[in-house]
Amino acid sequence: MSKTPRIPIPPEVRKYVFDRNNYQCQSCGKTFLETQLTIDHIIPLARGGSNDISNLHTLCFTCNQIKSDKFDPRFNRHFNR
């Protein structure tokens, strides 16, 4: 499995992902009013995930640190590995 190169996420894509996910962590449910949110790759780039917008979601900083470059099966609903 080859690692996908990381590219900067354009501001309009970041806004779309935050809007789509209701400015909420997709793991613990905290909102932007409660915590710092980040954009995360559902299937990590290190595991062959893509930079496609469908592979992005919002996680709070804490959940993103815990997930790291691991694959979280809770988000497997739209992806085939």
PDB file of N, CA and C in Angstrom:
ATOM      1  N   MET A   1       0.848  -1.167   0.000  1.00  0.00           N
ATOM      2  CA  MET A   1       0.000   0.000   0.000  1.00  0.00           C
ATOM      3  C   MET A   1       0.897   1.235   0.000  1.00  0.00           C
ATOM      4  N   SER A   2       0.658   2.151  -0.926  1.00  0.00           N
ATOM      5  CA  SER A   2       1.496   3.334  -0.997  1.00  0.00           C
ATOM      6  C   SER A   2       0.834   4.518  -0.302  1.00  0.00           C
ATOM      7  N   LYS A   3       1.671   5.340   0.293  1.00  0.00           N
ATOM      8  CA  LYS A   3       1.198   6.515   1.018  1.00  0.00           C
ATOM      9  C   LYS A   3       0.816   7.607   0.024  1.00  0.00           C
ATOM     10  N   THR A   4      -0.351   8.200   0.215  1.00  0.00           N
ATOM     11  CA  THR A   4      -0.812   9.289  -0.633  1.00  0.00           C
ATOM     12  C   THR A   4      -0.148  10.579  -0.169  1.00  0.00           C
ATOM     13  N   PRO A   5       0.362  11.391  -1.103  1.00  0.00           N
ATOM     14  CA  PRO A   5       0.983  12.643  -0.688  1.00  0.00           C
ATOM     15  C   PRO A   5      -0.046  13.600  -0.065  1.00  0.00           C
ATOM     16  N   ARG A   6       0.385  14.307   0.954  1.00  0.00           N
ATOM     17  CA  ARG A   6      -0.476  15.284   1.630  1.00  0.00           C
ATOM     18  C   ARG A   6      -0.479  16.580   0.821  1.00  0.00           C
ATOM     19  N   ILE A   7      -1.663  17.127   0.599  1.00  0.00           N
ATOM     20  CA  ILE A   7      -1.792  18.412  -0.072  1.00  0.00           C
ATOM     21  C   ILE A   7      -2.550  19.362   0.854  1.00  0.00           C
ATOM     22  N   PRO A   8      -2.306  20.676   0.723  1.00  0.00           N
ATOM     23  CA  PRO A   8      -3.055  21.626   1.549  1.00  0.00           C
ATOM     24  C   PRO A   8      -4.550  21.561   1.202  1.00  0.00           C
ATOM     25  N   ILE A   9      -5.393  21.644   2.216  1.00  0.00           N
ATOM     26  CA  ILE A   9      -6.839  21.630   1.991  1.00  0.00           C
ATOM     27  C   ILE A   9      -7.278  23.067   1.762  1.00  0.00           C
ATOM     28  N   PRO A  10      -7.830  23.368   0.584  1.00  0.00           N
ATOM     29  CA  PRO A  10      -8.241  24.744   0.283  1.00  0.00           C
ATOM     30  C   PRO A  10      -9.308  25.235   1.270  1.00  0.00           C
ATOM     31  N   PRO A  11      -9.321  26.533   1.566  1.00  0.00           N
ATOM     32  CA  PRO A  11     -10.284  27.095   2.527  1.00  0.00           C
ATOM     33  C   PRO A  11     -11.739  26.773   2.198  1.00  0.00           C
ATOM     34  N   GLU A  12     -12.101  26.788   0.923  1.00  0.00           N
ATOM     35  CA  GLU A  12     -13.494  26.507   0.553  1.00  0.00           C
ATOM     36  C   GLU A  12     -13.863  25.047   0.812  1.00  0.00           C
ATOM     37  N   VAL A  13     -12.905  24.140   0.691  1.00  0.00           N
ATOM     38  CA  VAL A  13     -13.151  22.725   0.997  1.00  0.00           C
ATOM     39  C   VAL A  13     -13.279  22.548   2.505  1.00  0.00           C
ATOM     40  N   ARG A  14     -12.413  23.220   3.267  1.00  0.00           N
ATOM     41  CA  ARG A  14     -12.494  23.166   4.730  1.00  0.00           C
ATOM     42  C   ARG A  14     -13.869  23.642   5.190  1.00  0.00           C
ATOM     43  N   LYS A  15     -14.332  24.768   4.649  1.00  0.00           N
ATOM     44  CA  LYS A  15     -15.637  25.307   5.030  1.00  0.00           C
ATOM     45  C   LYS A  15     -16.748  24.323   4.677  1.00  0.00           C
ATOM     46  N   TYR A  16     -16.673  23.712   3.484  1.00  0.00           N
ATOM     47  CA  TYR A  16     -17.679  22.741   3.072  1.00  0.00           C
ATOM     48  C   TYR A  16     -17.743  21.564   4.060  1.00  0.00           C
ATOM     49  N   VAL A  17     -16.578  21.030   4.446  1.00  0.00           N
ATOM     50  CA  VAL A  17     -16.538  19.873   5.353  1.00  0.00           C
ATOM     51  C   VAL A  17     -17.088  20.261   6.728  1.00  0.00           C
ATOM     52  N   PHE A  18     -16.683  21.415   7.246  1.00  0.00           N
ATOM     53  CA  PHE A  18     -17.221  21.871   8.533  1.00  0.00           C
ATOM     54  C   PHE A  18     -18.735  22.044   8.455  1.00  0.00           C
ATOM     55  N   ASP A  19     -19.229  22.677   7.383  1.00  0.00           N
ATOM     56  CA  ASP A  19     -20.676  22.862   7.203  1.00  0.00           C
ATOM     57  C   ASP A  19     -21.391  21.511   7.114  1.00  0.00           C
ATOM     58  N   ARG A  20     -20.866  20.615   6.276  1.00  0.00           N
ATOM     59  CA  ARG A  20     -21.474  19.303   6.077  1.00  0.00           C
ATOM     60  C   ARG A  20     -21.577  18.525   7.381  1.00  0.00           C
ATOM     61  N   ASN A  21     -20.562  18.665   8.240  1.00  0.00           N
ATOM     62  CA  ASN A  21     -20.525  17.939   9.511  1.00  0.00           C
ATOM     63  C   ASN A  21     -21.074  18.761  10.675  1.00  0.00           C
ATOM     64  N   ASN A  22     -21.781  19.838  10.343  1.00  0.00           N
ATOM     65  CA  ASN A  22     -22.433  20.688  11.359  1.00  0.00           C
ATOM     66  C   ASN A  22     -21.473  21.184  12.437  1.00  0.00           C
ATOM     67  N   TYR A  23     -20.229  21.459  12.052  1.00  0.00           N
ATOM     68  CA  TYR A  23     -19.230  21.965  12.996  1.00  0.00           C
ATOM     69  C   TYR A  23     -19.202  21.117  14.267  1.00  0.00           C
ATOM     70  N   GLN A  24     -19.162  19.792  14.051  1.00  0.00           N
ATOM     71  CA  GLN A  24     -19.233  18.836  15.144  1.00  0.00           C
ATOM     72  C   GLN A  24     -18.212  17.729  14.922  1.00  0.00           C
ATOM     73  N   CYS A  25     -17.576  17.277  16.001  1.00  0.00           N
ATOM     74  CA  CYS A  25     -16.658  16.142  15.930  1.00  0.00           C
ATOM     75  C   CYS A  25     -17.458  14.906  15.559  1.00  0.00           C
ATOM     76  N   GLN A  26     -17.016  14.198  14.550  1.00  0.00           N
ATOM     77  CA  GLN A  26     -17.727  13.022  14.074  1.00  0.00           C
ATOM     78  C   GLN A  26     -17.456  11.790  14.921  1.00  0.00           C
ATOM     79  N   SER A  27     -16.599  11.922  15.938  1.00  0.00           N
ATOM     80  CA  SER A  27     -16.330  10.807  16.835  1.00  0.00           C
ATOM     81  C   SER A  27     -17.023  10.989  18.178  1.00  0.00           C
ATOM     82  N   CYS A  28     -16.789  12.126  18.851  1.00  0.00           N
ATOM     83  CA  CYS A  28     -17.350  12.312  20.197  1.00  0.00           C
ATOM     84  C   CYS A  28     -18.564  13.228  20.223  1.00  0.00           C
ATOM     85  N   GLY A  29     -18.815  13.973  19.147  1.00  0.00           N
ATOM     86  CA  GLY A  29     -19.994  14.819  19.067  1.00  0.00           C
ATOM     87  C   GLY A  29     -19.825  16.234  19.581  1.00  0.00           C
ATOM     88  N   LYS A  30     -18.651  16.580  20.110  1.00  0.00           N
ATOM     89  CA  LYS A  30     -18.450  17.950  20.596  1.00  0.00           C
ATOM     90  C   LYS A  30     -18.517  18.938  19.432  1.00  0.00           C
ATOM     91  N   THR A  31     -19.001  20.137  19.727  1.00  0.00           N
ATOM     92  CA  THR A  31     -19.126  21.171  18.691  1.00  0.00           C
ATOM     93  C   THR A  31     -17.956  22.141  18.765  1.00  0.00           C
ATOM     94  N   PHE A  32     -17.893  23.017  17.773  1.00  0.00           N
ATOM     95  CA  PHE A  32     -16.820  24.010  17.721  1.00  0.00           C
ATOM     96  C   PHE A  32     -16.882  24.971  18.909  1.00  0.00           C
ATOM     97  N   LEU A  33     -18.041  25.056  19.563  1.00  0.00           N
ATOM     98  CA  LEU A  33     -18.158  25.909  20.748  1.00  0.00           C
ATOM     99  C   LEU A  33     -17.502  25.265  21.966  1.00  0.00           C
ATOM    100  N   GLU A  34     -17.342  23.941  21.926  1.00  0.00           N
ATOM    101  CA  GLU A  34     -16.793  23.191  23.058  1.00  0.00           C
ATOM    102  C   GLU A  34     -15.325  22.828  22.909  1.00  0.00           C
ATOM    103  N   THR A  35     -14.841  22.770  21.681  1.00  0.00           N
ATOM    104  CA  THR A  35     -13.496  22.249  21.448  1.00  0.00           C
ATOM    105  C   THR A  35     -12.941  22.763  20.121  1.00  0.00           C
ATOM    106  N   GLN A  36     -11.667  22.548  19.903  1.00  0.00           N
ATOM    107  CA  GLN A  36     -11.018  22.908  18.643  1.00  0.00           C
ATOM    108  C   GLN A  36     -11.239  21.774  17.642  1.00  0.00           C
ATOM    109  N   LEU A  37     -11.826  22.098  16.484  1.00  0.00           N
ATOM    110  CA  LEU A  37     -12.076  21.084  15.455  1.00  0.00           C
ATOM    111  C   LEU A  37     -10.975  21.087  14.407  1.00  0.00           C
ATOM    112  N   THR A  38     -10.725  19.906  13.848  1.00  0.00           N
ATOM    113  CA  THR A  38      -9.744  19.741  12.784  1.00  0.00           C
ATOM    114  C   THR A  38     -10.387  18.981  11.632  1.00  0.00           C
ATOM    115  N   ILE A  39      -9.750  19.052  10.471  1.00  0.00           N
ATOM    116  CA  ILE A  39     -10.157  18.239   9.316  1.00  0.00           C
ATOM    117  C   ILE A  39      -9.275  16.996   9.327  1.00  0.00           C
ATOM    118  N   ASP A  40      -9.902  15.836   9.190  1.00  0.00           N
ATOM    119  CA  ASP A  40      -9.180  14.564   9.257  1.00  0.00           C
ATOM    120  C   ASP A  40      -9.527  13.713   8.045  1.00  0.00           C
ATOM    121  N   HIS A  41      -8.570  12.903   7.604  1.00  0.00           N
ATOM    122  CA  HIS A  41      -8.819  11.924   6.545  1.00  0.00           C
ATOM    123  C   HIS A  41      -9.409  10.671   7.192  1.00  0.00           C
ATOM    124  N   ILE A  42     -10.578  10.245   6.738  1.00  0.00           N
ATOM    125  CA  ILE A  42     -11.241   9.069   7.293  1.00  0.00           C
ATOM    126  C   ILE A  42     -10.345   7.849   7.116  1.00  0.00           C
ATOM    127  N   ILE A  43      -9.936   7.607   5.892  1.00  0.00           N
ATOM    128  CA  ILE A  43      -8.906   6.590   5.630  1.00  0.00           C
ATOM    129  C   ILE A  43      -7.600   7.370   5.555  1.00  0.00           C
ATOM    130  N   PRO A  44      -6.696   7.171   6.511  1.00  0.00           N
ATOM    131  CA  PRO A  44      -5.474   7.968   6.568  1.00  0.00           C
ATOM    132  C   PRO A  44      -4.654   7.893   5.279  1.00  0.00           C
ATOM    133  N   LEU A  45      -4.005   9.010   4.956  1.00  0.00           N
ATOM    134  CA  LEU A  45      -3.137   9.034   3.776  1.00  0.00           C
ATOM    135  C   LEU A  45      -2.054   7.972   3.889  1.00  0.00           C
ATOM    136  N   ALA A  46      -1.559   7.747   5.092  1.00  0.00           N
ATOM    137  CA  ALA A  46      -0.511   6.739   5.316  1.00  0.00           C
ATOM    138  C   ALA A  46      -0.996   5.327   5.017  1.00  0.00           C
ATOM    139  N   ARG A  47      -2.312   5.147   4.979  1.00  0.00           N
ATOM    140  CA  ARG A  47      -2.908   3.827   4.700  1.00  0.00           C
ATOM    141  C   ARG A  47      -3.521   3.780   3.309  1.00  0.00           C
ATOM    142  N   GLY A  48      -3.157   4.732   2.448  1.00  0.00           N
ATOM    143  CA  GLY A  48      -3.634   4.725   1.069  1.00  0.00           C
ATOM    144  C   GLY A  48      -4.904   5.517   0.827  1.00  0.00           C
ATOM    145  N   GLY A  49      -5.373   6.259   1.839  1.00  0.00           N
ATOM    146  CA  GLY A  49      -6.564   7.084   1.679  1.00  0.00           C
ATOM    147  C   GLY A  49      -6.320   8.221   0.691  1.00  0.00           C
ATOM    148  N   SER A  50      -7.407   8.777   0.191  1.00  0.00           N
ATOM    149  CA  SER A  50      -7.289   9.829  -0.812  1.00  0.00           C
ATOM    150  C   SER A  50      -7.496  11.208  -0.201  1.00  0.00           C
ATOM    151  N   ASN A  51      -7.163  12.224  -0.977  1.00  0.00           N
ATOM    152  CA  ASN A  51      -7.415  13.607  -0.596  1.00  0.00           C
ATOM    153  C   ASN A  51      -8.798  14.057  -1.049  1.00  0.00           C
ATOM    154  N   ASP A  52      -9.609  13.133  -1.534  1.00  0.00           N
ATOM    155  CA  ASP A  52     -10.946  13.444  -2.017  1.00  0.00           C
ATOM    156  C   ASP A  52     -11.814  13.977  -0.876  1.00  0.00           C
ATOM    157  N   ILE A  53     -12.716  14.890  -1.203  1.00  0.00           N
ATOM    158  CA  ILE A  53     -13.577  15.505  -0.193  1.00  0.00           C
ATOM    159  C   ILE A  53     -14.431  14.474   0.546  1.00  0.00           C
ATOM    160  N   SER A  54     -14.745  13.369  -0.108  1.00  0.00           N
ATOM    161  CA  SER A  54     -15.546  12.320   0.547  1.00  0.00           C
ATOM    162  C   SER A  54     -14.746  11.567   1.606  1.00  0.00           C
ATOM    163  N   ASN A  55     -13.433  11.740   1.634  1.00  0.00           N
ATOM    164  CA  ASN A  55     -12.575  11.089   2.629  1.00  0.00           C
ATOM    165  C   ASN A  55     -12.215  12.039   3.771  1.00  0.00           C
ATOM    166  N   LEU A  56     -12.863  13.187   3.831  1.00  0.00           N
ATOM    167  CA  LEU A  56     -12.581  14.163   4.879  1.00  0.00           C
ATOM    168  C   LEU A  56     -13.761  14.286   5.831  1.00  0.00           C
ATOM    169  N   HIS A  57     -13.463  14.474   7.101  1.00  0.00           N
ATOM    170  CA  HIS A  57     -14.502  14.753   8.085  1.00  0.00           C
ATOM    171  C   HIS A  57     -13.895  15.577   9.208  1.00  0.00           C
ATOM    172  N   THR A  58     -14.742  16.043  10.125  1.00  0.00           N
ATOM    173  CA  THR A  58     -14.262  16.840  11.236  1.00  0.00           C
ATOM    174  C   THR A  58     -14.093  15.970  12.475  1.00  0.00           C
ATOM    175  N   LEU A  59     -12.986  16.189  13.148  1.00  0.00           N
ATOM    176  CA  LEU A  59     -12.732  15.573  14.448  1.00  0.00           C
ATOM    177  C   LEU A  59     -12.214  16.666  15.369  1.00  0.00           C
ATOM    178  N   CYS A  60     -12.500  16.536  16.658  1.00  0.00           N
ATOM    179  CA  CYS A  60     -11.891  17.467  17.598  1.00  0.00           C
ATOM    180  C   CYS A  60     -10.409  17.099  17.703  1.00  0.00           C
ATOM    181  N   PHE A  61      -9.639  18.024  18.221  1.00  0.00           N
ATOM    182  CA  PHE A  61      -8.199  17.815  18.327  1.00  0.00           C
ATOM    183  C   PHE A  61      -7.883  16.539  19.104  1.00  0.00           C
ATOM    184  N   THR A  62      -8.592  16.314  20.208  1.00  0.00           N
ATOM    185  CA  THR A  62      -8.338  15.135  21.046  1.00  0.00           C
ATOM    186  C   THR A  62      -8.615  13.833  20.291  1.00  0.00           C
ATOM    187  N   CYS A  63      -9.778  13.737  19.650  1.00  0.00           N
ATOM    188  CA  CYS A  63     -10.116  12.516  18.903  1.00  0.00           C
ATOM    189  C   CYS A  63      -9.156  12.291  17.738  1.00  0.00           C
ATOM    190  N   ASN A  64      -8.722  13.375  17.099  1.00  0.00           N
ATOM    191  CA  ASN A  64      -7.782  13.261  15.989  1.00  0.00           C
ATOM    192  C   ASN A  64      -6.443  12.727  16.492  1.00  0.00           C
ATOM    193  N   GLN A  65      -5.998  13.182  17.656  1.00  0.00           N
ATOM    194  CA  GLN A  65      -4.739  12.692  18.232  1.00  0.00           C
ATOM    195  C   GLN A  65      -4.845  11.208  18.579  1.00  0.00           C
ATOM    196  N   ILE A  66      -5.976  10.785  19.095  1.00  0.00           N
ATOM    197  CA  ILE A  66      -6.177   9.379  19.457  1.00  0.00           C
ATOM    198  C   ILE A  66      -6.212   8.508  18.203  1.00  0.00           C
ATOM    199  N   LYS A  67      -6.910   8.973  17.176  1.00  0.00           N
ATOM    200  CA  LYS A  67      -7.040   8.198  15.935  1.00  0.00           C
ATOM    201  C   LYS A  67      -5.697   8.071  15.237  1.00  0.00           C
ATOM    202  N   SER A  68      -4.933   9.164  15.197  1.00  0.00           N
ATOM    203  CA  SER A  68      -3.619   9.190  14.567  1.00  0.00           C
ATOM    204  C   SER A  68      -3.716   8.685  13.121  1.00  0.00           C
ATOM    205  N   ASP A  69      -2.868   7.725  12.735  1.00  0.00           N
ATOM    206  CA  ASP A  69      -2.916   7.198  11.363  1.00  0.00           C
ATOM    207  C   ASP A  69      -3.594   5.832  11.315  1.00  0.00           C
ATOM    208  N   LYS A  70      -4.424   5.563  12.334  1.00  0.00           N
ATOM    209  CA  LYS A  70      -5.137   4.290  12.358  1.00  0.00           C
ATOM    210  C   LYS A  70      -6.450   4.408  11.576  1.00  0.00           C
ATOM    211  N   PHE A  71      -6.974   3.279  11.174  1.00  0.00           N
ATOM    212  CA  PHE A  71      -8.268   3.247  10.498  1.00  0.00           C
ATOM    213  C   PHE A  71      -9.349   3.005  11.537  1.00  0.00           C
ATOM    214  N   ASP A  72     -10.369   3.830  11.544  1.00  0.00           N
ATOM    215  CA  ASP A  72     -11.478   3.695  12.489  1.00  0.00           C
ATOM    216  C   ASP A  72     -12.652   3.053  11.763  1.00  0.00           C
ATOM    217  N   PRO A  73     -13.001   1.803  12.069  1.00  0.00           N
ATOM    218  CA  PRO A  73     -14.046   1.082  11.331  1.00  0.00           C
ATOM    219  C   PRO A  73     -15.434   1.710  11.429  1.00  0.00           C
ATOM    220  N   ARG A  74     -15.637   2.612  12.394  1.00  0.00           N
ATOM    221  CA  ARG A  74     -16.951   3.275  12.488  1.00  0.00           C
ATOM    222  C   ARG A  74     -17.257   4.116  11.256  1.00  0.00           C
ATOM    223  N   PHE A  75     -16.224   4.501  10.514  1.00  0.00           N
ATOM    224  CA  PHE A  75     -16.421   5.354   9.353  1.00  0.00           C
ATOM    225  C   PHE A  75     -16.285   4.580   8.046  1.00  0.00           C
ATOM    226  N   ASN A  76     -16.441   3.278   8.092  1.00  0.00           N
ATOM    227  CA  ASN A  76     -16.266   2.419   6.923  1.00  0.00           C
ATOM    228  C   ASN A  76     -17.498   2.373   6.022  1.00  0.00           C
ATOM    229  N   ARG A  77     -18.568   3.043   6.363  1.00  0.00           N
ATOM    230  CA  ARG A  77     -19.841   2.885   5.676  1.00  0.00           C
ATOM    231  C   ARG A  77     -19.792   3.208   4.182  1.00  0.00           C
ATOM    232  N   HIS A  78     -18.906   4.091   3.754  1.00  0.00           N
ATOM    233  CA  HIS A  78     -18.871   4.489   2.351  1.00  0.00           C
ATOM    234  C   HIS A  78     -17.578   4.084   1.644  1.00  0.00           C
ATOM    235  N   PHE A  79     -16.752   3.329   2.317  1.00  0.00           N
ATOM    236  CA  PHE A  79     -15.434   3.062   1.751  1.00  0.00           C
ATOM    237  C   PHE A  79     -15.153   1.570   1.675  1.00  0.00           C
ATOM    238  N   ASN A  80     -14.465   1.187   0.624  1.00  0.00           N
ATOM    239  CA  ASN A  80     -13.945  -0.169   0.497  1.00  0.00           C
ATOM    240  C   ASN A  80     -12.433  -0.053   0.584  1.00  0.00           C
ATOM    241  N   ARG A  81     -11.840  -0.781   1.523  1.00  0.00           N
ATOM    242  CA  ARG A  81     -10.384  -0.706   1.657  1.00  0.00           C
ATOM    243  C   ARG A  81      -9.735  -1.725   0.782  1.00  0.00           C
TER     244      ARG A  81
END
